[in-house]
PDB file of all heavy atoms in Angstrom:
ATOM      1  N   TYR A   1      28.601  76.517 -50.767  1.00  0.00           N
ATOM      2  CA  TYR A   1      28.395  75.601 -51.893  1.00  0.00           C
ATOM      3  C   TYR A   1      27.155  74.854 -51.579  1.00  0.00           C
ATOM      4  O   TYR A   1      26.676  74.829 -50.388  1.00  0.00           O
ATOM      5  CB  TYR A   1      29.546  74.631 -52.115  1.00  0.00           C
ATOM      6  CG  TYR A   1      30.855  75.213 -52.544  1.00  0.00           C
ATOM      7  CD1 TYR A   1      31.586  76.072 -51.776  1.00  0.00           C
ATOM      8  CD2 TYR A   1      31.186  74.905 -53.869  1.00  0.00           C
ATOM      9  CE1 TYR A   1      32.751  76.639 -52.266  1.00  0.00           C
ATOM     10  CE2 TYR A   1      32.395  75.462 -54.337  1.00  0.00           C
ATOM     11  CZ  TYR A   1      33.196  76.339 -53.538  1.00  0.00           C
ATOM     12  OH  TYR A   1      34.336  76.868 -54.064  1.00  0.00           O
ATOM     13  N   ARG A   2      26.442  74.235 -52.528  1.00  0.00           N
ATOM     14  CA  ARG A   2      25.266  73.462 -52.328  1.00  0.00           C
ATOM     15  C   ARG A   2      25.257  72.180 -53.187  1.00  0.00           C
ATOM     16  O   ARG A   2      25.931  72.218 -54.289  1.00  0.00           O
ATOM     17  CB  ARG A   2      24.035  74.230 -52.487  1.00  0.00           C
ATOM     18  CG  ARG A   2      23.739  74.650 -53.925  1.00  0.00           C
ATOM     19  CD  ARG A   2      22.550  75.509 -54.060  1.00  0.00           C
ATOM     20  NE  ARG A   2      22.180  75.846 -55.396  1.00  0.00           N
ATOM     21  CZ  ARG A   2      21.230  76.749 -55.737  1.00  0.00           C
ATOM     22  NH1 ARG A   2      20.508  77.274 -54.750  1.00  0.00           N
ATOM     23  NH2 ARG A   2      21.053  77.041 -56.955  1.00  0.00           N
ATOM     24  N   GLN A   3      24.648  71.179 -52.731  1.00  0.00           N
ATOM     25  CA  GLN A   3      24.595  69.905 -53.400  1.00  0.00           C
ATOM     26  C   GLN A   3      23.068  69.386 -53.361  1.00  0.00           C
ATOM     27  O   GLN A   3      22.638  69.093 -52.265  1.00  0.00           O
ATOM     28  CB  GLN A   3      25.526  68.910 -52.966  1.00  0.00           C
ATOM     29  CG  GLN A   3      25.649  67.611 -53.767  1.00  0.00           C
ATOM     30  CD  GLN A   3      26.821  66.793 -53.469  1.00  0.00           C
ATOM     31  OE1 GLN A   3      27.391  66.830 -52.404  1.00  0.00           O
ATOM     32  NE2 GLN A   3      27.203  65.947 -54.376  1.00  0.00           N
ATOM     33  N   ALA A   4      22.502  69.290 -54.530  1.00  0.00           N
ATOM     34  CA  ALA A   4      21.093  68.734 -54.573  1.00  0.00           C
ATOM     35  C   ALA A   4      21.221  67.284 -54.958  1.00  0.00           C
ATOM     36  O   ALA A   4      22.184  66.827 -55.443  1.00  0.00           O
ATOM     37  CB  ALA A   4      20.248  69.497 -55.590  1.00  0.00           C
ATOM     38  N   PRO A   5      20.146  66.496 -54.622  1.00  0.00           N
ATOM     39  CA  PRO A   5      20.092  65.123 -54.932  1.00  0.00           C
ATOM     40  C   PRO A   5      20.385  64.789 -56.429  1.00  0.00           C
ATOM     41  O   PRO A   5      19.814  65.433 -57.287  1.00  0.00           O
ATOM     42  CB  PRO A   5      18.814  64.573 -54.555  1.00  0.00           C
ATOM     43  CG  PRO A   5      18.376  65.555 -53.471  1.00  0.00           C
ATOM     44  CD  PRO A   5      18.940  66.857 -53.850  1.00  0.00           C
ATOM     45  N   GLY A   6      21.441  63.985 -56.755  1.00  0.00           N
ATOM     46  CA  GLY A   6      21.714  63.596 -58.055  1.00  0.00           C
ATOM     47  C   GLY A   6      22.566  64.681 -58.805  1.00  0.00           C
ATOM     48  O   GLY A   6      22.741  64.494 -60.033  1.00  0.00           O
ATOM     49  N   LYS A   7      22.983  65.676 -58.176  1.00  0.00           N
ATOM     50  CA  LYS A   7      23.765  66.750 -58.791  1.00  0.00           C
ATOM     51  C   LYS A   7      25.116  66.903 -58.074  1.00  0.00           C
ATOM     52  O   LYS A   7      25.267  66.503 -56.918  1.00  0.00           O
ATOM     53  CB  LYS A   7      22.978  68.070 -58.816  1.00  0.00           C
ATOM     54  CG  LYS A   7      21.725  68.076 -59.579  1.00  0.00           C
ATOM     55  CD  LYS A   7      21.000  69.384 -59.526  1.00  0.00           C
ATOM     56  CE  LYS A   7      21.798  70.418 -60.279  1.00  0.00           C
ATOM     57  NZ  LYS A   7      21.120  71.765 -60.314  1.00  0.00           N
ATOM     58  N   GLN A   8      26.091  67.485 -58.797  1.00  0.00           N
ATOM     59  CA  GLN A   8      27.310  67.779 -58.193  1.00  0.00           C
ATOM     60  C   GLN A   8      27.287  68.953 -57.281  1.00  0.00           C
ATOM     61  O   GLN A   8      26.433  69.864 -57.455  1.00  0.00           O
ATOM     62  CB  GLN A   8      28.389  67.980 -59.260  1.00  0.00           C
ATOM     63  CG  GLN A   8      28.742  66.785 -60.153  1.00  0.00           C
ATOM     64  CD  GLN A   8      29.809  67.063 -61.108  1.00  0.00           C
ATOM     65  OE1 GLN A   8      30.016  68.247 -61.531  1.00  0.00           O
ATOM     66  NE2 GLN A   8      30.599  65.969 -61.481  1.00  0.00           N
ATOM     67  N   ARG A   9      28.222  69.060 -56.357  1.00  0.00           N
ATOM     68  CA  ARG A   9      28.293  70.256 -55.507  1.00  0.00           C
ATOM     69  C   ARG A   9      28.703  71.421 -56.383  1.00  0.00           C
ATOM     70  O   ARG A   9      29.702  71.390 -57.191  1.00  0.00           O
ATOM     71  CB  ARG A   9      29.320  69.974 -54.403  1.00  0.00           C
ATOM     72  CG  ARG A   9      29.414  71.137 -53.424  1.00  0.00           C
ATOM     73  CD  ARG A   9      30.350  70.783 -52.243  1.00  0.00           C
ATOM     74  NE  ARG A   9      29.917  69.599 -51.542  1.00  0.00           N
ATOM     75  CZ  ARG A   9      30.467  69.130 -50.342  1.00  0.00           C
ATOM     76  NH1 ARG A   9      31.459  69.797 -49.855  1.00  0.00           N
ATOM     77  NH2 ARG A   9      30.004  67.990 -49.793  1.00  0.00           N
ATOM     78  N   GLU A  10      27.995  72.607 -56.159  1.00  0.00           N
ATOM     79  CA  GLU A  10      28.268  73.806 -57.001  1.00  0.00           C
ATOM     80  C   GLU A  10      28.454  75.006 -56.031  1.00  0.00           C
ATOM     81  O   GLU A  10      27.872  75.042 -54.980  1.00  0.00           O
ATOM     82  CB  GLU A  10      27.141  73.985 -57.860  1.00  0.00           C
ATOM     83  CG  GLU A  10      25.825  74.346 -57.216  1.00  0.00           C
ATOM     84  CD  GLU A  10      24.678  74.678 -58.194  1.00  0.00           C
ATOM     85  OE1 GLU A  10      24.955  74.668 -59.422  1.00  0.00           O
ATOM     86  OE2 GLU A  10      23.551  74.861 -57.781  1.00  0.00           O
ATOM     87  N   LEU A  11      29.242  75.870 -56.518  1.00  0.00           N
ATOM     88  CA  LEU A  11      29.524  77.232 -55.822  1.00  0.00           C
ATOM     89  C   LEU A  11      28.186  78.023 -55.908  1.00  0.00           C
ATOM     90  O   LEU A  11      27.574  78.205 -56.943  1.00  0.00           O
ATOM     91  CB  LEU A  11      30.605  77.924 -56.448  1.00  0.00           C
ATOM     92  CG  LEU A  11      30.847  79.348 -55.929  1.00  0.00           C
ATOM     93  CD1 LEU A  11      31.326  79.270 -54.482  1.00  0.00           C
ATOM     94  CD2 LEU A  11      31.737  80.140 -56.784  1.00  0.00           C
ATOM     95  N   VAL A  12      27.721  78.458 -54.760  1.00  0.00           N
ATOM     96  CA  VAL A  12      26.633  79.412 -54.638  1.00  0.00           C
ATOM     97  C   VAL A  12      27.164  80.860 -54.604  1.00  0.00           C
ATOM     98  O   VAL A  12      26.732  81.700 -55.357  1.00  0.00           O
ATOM     99  CB  VAL A  12      25.784  79.099 -53.406  1.00  0.00           C
ATOM    100  CG1 VAL A  12      24.654  80.108 -53.272  1.00  0.00           C
ATOM    101  CG2 VAL A  12      25.224  77.665 -53.452  1.00  0.00           C
ATOM    102  N   ALA A  13      28.054  81.087 -53.659  1.00  0.00           N
ATOM    103  CA  ALA A  13      28.606  82.421 -53.516  1.00  0.00           C
ATOM    104  C   ALA A  13      29.891  82.367 -52.711  1.00  0.00           C
ATOM    105  O   ALA A  13      30.030  81.452 -51.874  1.00  0.00           O
ATOM    106  CB  ALA A  13      27.617  83.381 -52.814  1.00  0.00           C
ATOM    107  N   ASP A  14      30.834  83.299 -52.935  1.00  0.00           N
ATOM    108  CA  ASP A  14      32.001  83.403 -52.070  1.00  0.00           C
ATOM    109  C   ASP A  14      32.406  84.845 -51.885  1.00  0.00           C
ATOM    110  O   ASP A  14      31.839  85.774 -52.605  1.00  0.00           O
ATOM    111  CB  ASP A  14      33.178  82.573 -52.636  1.00  0.00           C
ATOM    112  CG  ASP A  14      33.606  82.952 -54.012  1.00  0.00           C
ATOM    113  OD1 ASP A  14      33.351  84.090 -54.468  1.00  0.00           O
ATOM    114  OD2 ASP A  14      34.289  82.124 -54.667  1.00  0.00           O
ATOM    115  N   ILE A  15      33.174  85.063 -50.891  1.00  0.00           N
ATOM    116  CA  ILE A  15      33.530  86.483 -50.576  1.00  0.00           C
ATOM    117  C   ILE A  15      35.076  86.475 -50.128  1.00  0.00           C
ATOM    118  O   ILE A  15      35.429  85.556 -49.401  1.00  0.00           O
ATOM    119  CB  ILE A  15      32.714  87.023 -49.446  1.00  0.00           C
ATOM    120  CG1 ILE A  15      33.000  88.501 -49.146  1.00  0.00           C
ATOM    121  CG2 ILE A  15      32.687  86.086 -48.182  1.00  0.00           C
ATOM    122  CD1 ILE A  15      31.934  89.189 -48.268  1.00  0.00           C
ATOM    123  N   THR A  16      35.808  87.388 -50.646  1.00  0.00           N
ATOM    124  CA  THR A  16      37.217  87.496 -50.333  1.00  0.00           C
ATOM    125  C   THR A  16      37.392  88.235 -49.013  1.00  0.00           C
ATOM    126  O   THR A  16      36.510  88.868 -48.396  1.00  0.00           O
ATOM    127  CB  THR A  16      38.035  88.199 -51.375  1.00  0.00           C
ATOM    128  OG1 THR A  16      37.630  89.617 -51.431  1.00  0.00           O
ATOM    129  CG2 THR A  16      37.678  87.547 -52.738  1.00  0.00           C
ATOM    130  N   SER A  17      38.689  88.218 -48.567  1.00  0.00           N
ATOM    131  CA  SER A  17      38.987  89.001 -47.277  1.00  0.00           C
ATOM    132  C   SER A  17      38.753  90.453 -47.531  1.00  0.00           C
ATOM    133  O   SER A  17      38.583  91.198 -46.536  1.00  0.00           O
ATOM    134  CB  SER A  17      40.445  88.672 -46.920  1.00  0.00           C
ATOM    135  OG  SER A  17      41.360  89.042 -47.922  1.00  0.00           O
ATOM    136  N   GLY A  18      38.872  90.925 -48.786  1.00  0.00           N
ATOM    137  CA  GLY A  18      38.601  92.284 -49.044  1.00  0.00           C
ATOM    138  C   GLY A  18      37.064  92.667 -49.339  1.00  0.00           C
ATOM    139  O   GLY A  18      36.825  93.753 -49.788  1.00  0.00           O
ATOM    140  N   ALA A  19      36.180  91.679 -49.139  1.00  0.00           N
ATOM    141  CA  ALA A  19      34.834  91.802 -49.272  1.00  0.00           C
ATOM    142  C   ALA A  19      34.266  91.823 -50.663  1.00  0.00           C
ATOM    143  O   ALA A  19      33.159  92.249 -50.973  1.00  0.00           O
ATOM    144  CB  ALA A  19      34.308  93.026 -48.552  1.00  0.00           C
ATOM    145  N   SER A  20      35.085  91.408 -51.640  1.00  0.00           N
ATOM    146  CA  SER A  20      34.607  91.245 -52.988  1.00  0.00           C
ATOM    147  C   SER A  20      33.787  89.909 -53.104  1.00  0.00           C
ATOM    148  O   SER A  20      34.158  88.903 -52.515  1.00  0.00           O
ATOM    149  CB  SER A  20      35.784  91.045 -54.038  1.00  0.00           C
ATOM    150  OG  SER A  20      36.449  92.352 -54.048  1.00  0.00           O
ATOM    151  N   THR A  21      32.671  89.938 -53.823  1.00  0.00           N
ATOM    152  CA  THR A  21      31.724  88.871 -53.820  1.00  0.00           C
ATOM    153  C   THR A  21      31.584  88.278 -55.229  1.00  0.00           C
ATOM    154  O   THR A  21      31.823  88.988 -56.210  1.00  0.00           O
ATOM    155  CB  THR A  21      30.355  89.280 -53.299  1.00  0.00           C
ATOM    156  OG1 THR A  21      29.838  90.359 -54.078  1.00  0.00           O
ATOM    157  CG2 THR A  21      30.417  89.687 -51.860  1.00  0.00           C
ATOM    158  N   ASN A  22      31.268  87.093 -55.256  1.00  0.00           N
ATOM    159  CA  ASN A  22      30.966  86.315 -56.492  1.00  0.00           C
ATOM    160  C   ASN A  22      29.729  85.395 -56.299  1.00  0.00           C
ATOM    161  O   ASN A  22      29.592  84.773 -55.249  1.00  0.00           O
ATOM    162  CB  ASN A  22      32.178  85.555 -56.905  1.00  0.00           C
ATOM    163  CG  ASN A  22      31.908  84.717 -58.210  1.00  0.00           C
ATOM    164  OD1 ASN A  22      31.517  85.219 -59.167  1.00  0.00           O
ATOM    165  ND2 ASN A  22      32.140  83.404 -58.060  1.00  0.00           N
ATOM    166  N   TYR A  23      28.760  85.403 -57.219  1.00  0.00           N
ATOM    167  CA  TYR A  23      27.566  84.616 -57.095  1.00  0.00           C
ATOM    168  C   TYR A  23      27.344  83.758 -58.329  1.00  0.00           C
ATOM    169  O   TYR A  23      27.710  84.100 -59.468  1.00  0.00           O
ATOM    170  CB  TYR A  23      26.312  85.569 -56.970  1.00  0.00           C
ATOM    171  CG  TYR A  23      26.331  86.369 -55.766  1.00  0.00           C
ATOM    172  CD1 TYR A  23      26.903  87.714 -55.748  1.00  0.00           C
ATOM    173  CD2 TYR A  23      25.834  85.927 -54.508  1.00  0.00           C
ATOM    174  CE1 TYR A  23      26.883  88.462 -54.586  1.00  0.00           C
ATOM    175  CE2 TYR A  23      25.834  86.668 -53.456  1.00  0.00           C
ATOM    176  CZ  TYR A  23      26.307  87.993 -53.445  1.00  0.00           C
ATOM    177  OH  TYR A  23      26.310  88.731 -52.374  1.00  0.00           O
ATOM    178  N   ALA A  24      26.785  82.592 -58.088  1.00  0.00           N
ATOM    179  CA  ALA A  24      26.220  81.823 -59.235  1.00  0.00           C
ATOM    180  C   ALA A  24      25.121  82.550 -59.959  1.00  0.00           C
ATOM    181  O   ALA A  24      24.334  83.262 -59.286  1.00  0.00           O
ATOM    182  CB  ALA A  24      25.742  80.459 -58.745  1.00  0.00           C
ATOM    183  N   ASP A  25      24.974  82.355 -61.261  1.00  0.00           N
ATOM    184  CA  ASP A  25      23.941  83.051 -61.975  1.00  0.00           C
ATOM    185  C   ASP A  25      22.597  82.718 -61.467  1.00  0.00           C
ATOM    186  O   ASP A  25      21.743  83.631 -61.451  1.00  0.00           O
ATOM    187  CB  ASP A  25      23.996  82.707 -63.493  1.00  0.00           C
ATOM    188  CG  ASP A  25      25.236  83.273 -64.124  1.00  0.00           C
ATOM    189  OD1 ASP A  25      25.823  84.272 -63.626  1.00  0.00           O
ATOM    190  OD2 ASP A  25      25.640  82.774 -65.249  1.00  0.00           O
ATOM    191  N   SER A  26      22.345  81.621 -60.967  1.00  0.00           N
ATOM    192  CA  SER A  26      20.966  81.176 -60.557  1.00  0.00           C
ATOM    193  C   SER A  26      20.521  81.860 -59.250  1.00  0.00           C
ATOM    194  O   SER A  26      19.381  81.832 -58.955  1.00  0.00           O
ATOM    195  CB  SER A  26      20.966  79.602 -60.332  1.00  0.00           C
ATOM    196  OG  SER A  26      21.939  79.285 -59.375  1.00  0.00           O
ATOM    197  N   VAL A  27      21.465  82.524 -58.541  1.00  0.00           N
ATOM    198  CA  VAL A  27      21.111  83.149 -57.289  1.00  0.00           C
ATOM    199  C   VAL A  27      21.377  84.598 -57.259  1.00  0.00           C
ATOM    200  O   VAL A  27      21.026  85.299 -56.284  1.00  0.00           O
ATOM    201  CB  VAL A  27      21.839  82.532 -56.062  1.00  0.00           C
ATOM    202  CG1 VAL A  27      21.650  80.985 -56.042  1.00  0.00           C
ATOM    203  CG2 VAL A  27      23.320  82.822 -56.096  1.00  0.00           C
ATOM    204  N   LYS A  28      21.833  85.140 -58.379  1.00  0.00           N
ATOM    205  CA  LYS A  28      22.118  86.579 -58.417  1.00  0.00           C
ATOM    206  C   LYS A  28      20.768  87.363 -58.223  1.00  0.00           C
ATOM    207  O   LYS A  28      19.850  87.038 -58.806  1.00  0.00           O
ATOM    208  CB  LYS A  28      22.755  86.983 -59.659  1.00  0.00           C
ATOM    209  CG  LYS A  28      24.224  86.569 -59.861  1.00  0.00           C
ATOM    210  CD  LYS A  28      24.835  86.981 -61.185  1.00  0.00           C
ATOM    211  CE  LYS A  28      26.318  86.561 -61.281  1.00  0.00           C
ATOM    212  NZ  LYS A  28      26.794  86.936 -62.622  1.00  0.00           N
ATOM    213  N   GLY A  29      20.880  88.413 -57.436  1.00  0.00           N
ATOM    214  CA  GLY A  29      19.763  89.150 -57.127  1.00  0.00           C
ATOM    215  C   GLY A  29      18.842  88.697 -56.065  1.00  0.00           C
ATOM    216  O   GLY A  29      17.963  89.383 -55.511  1.00  0.00           O
ATOM    217  N   ARG A  30      19.098  87.479 -55.579  1.00  0.00           N
ATOM    218  CA  ARG A  30      18.251  86.877 -54.523  1.00  0.00           C
ATOM    219  C   ARG A  30      19.095  86.529 -53.271  1.00  0.00           C
ATOM    220  O   ARG A  30      18.560  86.702 -52.168  1.00  0.00           O
ATOM    221  CB  ARG A  30      17.651  85.543 -55.051  1.00  0.00           C
ATOM    222  CG  ARG A  30      16.733  85.778 -56.281  1.00  0.00           C
ATOM    223  CD  ARG A  30      15.921  84.441 -56.539  1.00  0.00           C
ATOM    224  NE  ARG A  30      16.847  83.371 -56.903  1.00  0.00           N
ATOM    225  CZ  ARG A  30      16.902  82.236 -56.246  1.00  0.00           C
ATOM    226  NH1 ARG A  30      16.115  81.997 -55.171  1.00  0.00           N
ATOM    227  NH2 ARG A  30      17.733  81.271 -56.681  1.00  0.00           N
ATOM    228  N   PHE A  31      20.329  86.181 -53.420  1.00  0.00           N
ATOM    229  CA  PHE A  31      21.156  85.824 -52.285  1.00  0.00           C
ATOM    230  C   PHE A  31      22.202  86.870 -52.039  1.00  0.00           C
ATOM    231  O   PHE A  31      22.684  87.448 -53.021  1.00  0.00           O
ATOM    232  CB  PHE A  31      21.902  84.493 -52.576  1.00  0.00           C
ATOM    233  CG  PHE A  31      20.987  83.254 -52.614  1.00  0.00           C
ATOM    234  CD1 PHE A  31      19.636  83.339 -52.513  1.00  0.00           C
ATOM    235  CD2 PHE A  31      21.502  81.972 -52.624  1.00  0.00           C
ATOM    236  CE1 PHE A  31      18.854  82.192 -52.567  1.00  0.00           C
ATOM    237  CE2 PHE A  31      20.759  80.926 -52.653  1.00  0.00           C
ATOM    238  CZ  PHE A  31      19.396  80.987 -52.583  1.00  0.00           C
ATOM    239  N   THR A  32      22.557  87.095 -50.850  1.00  0.00           N
ATOM    240  CA  THR A  32      23.596  87.953 -50.443  1.00  0.00           C
ATOM    241  C   THR A  32      24.613  87.343 -49.451  1.00  0.00           C
ATOM    242  O   THR A  32      24.169  86.836 -48.421  1.00  0.00           O
ATOM    243  CB  THR A  32      23.080  89.298 -49.781  1.00  0.00           C
ATOM    244  OG1 THR A  32      22.114  89.846 -50.771  1.00  0.00           O
ATOM    245  CG2 THR A  32      24.207  90.300 -49.505  1.00  0.00           C
ATOM    246  N   ILE A  33      25.868  87.387 -49.762  1.00  0.00           N
ATOM    247  CA  ILE A  33      26.881  86.748 -48.904  1.00  0.00           C
ATOM    248  C   ILE A  33      27.628  87.905 -48.168  1.00  0.00           C
ATOM    249  O   ILE A  33      27.816  89.032 -48.756  1.00  0.00           O
ATOM    250  CB  ILE A  33      27.882  85.927 -49.658  1.00  0.00           C
ATOM    251  CG1 ILE A  33      28.833  85.153 -48.703  1.00  0.00           C
ATOM    252  CG2 ILE A  33      28.712  86.721 -50.671  1.00  0.00           C
ATOM    253  CD1 ILE A  33      29.708  84.163 -49.367  1.00  0.00           C
TER     254      ILE A  33
END
């Protein structure tokens, strides 16, 4: 998760025990968990 000044904490990416991943739209294609 990440939190910028003046903003709420938001999910960036997560990964399950089975290696399924989920990304915020703003980081898709740029970040890899």
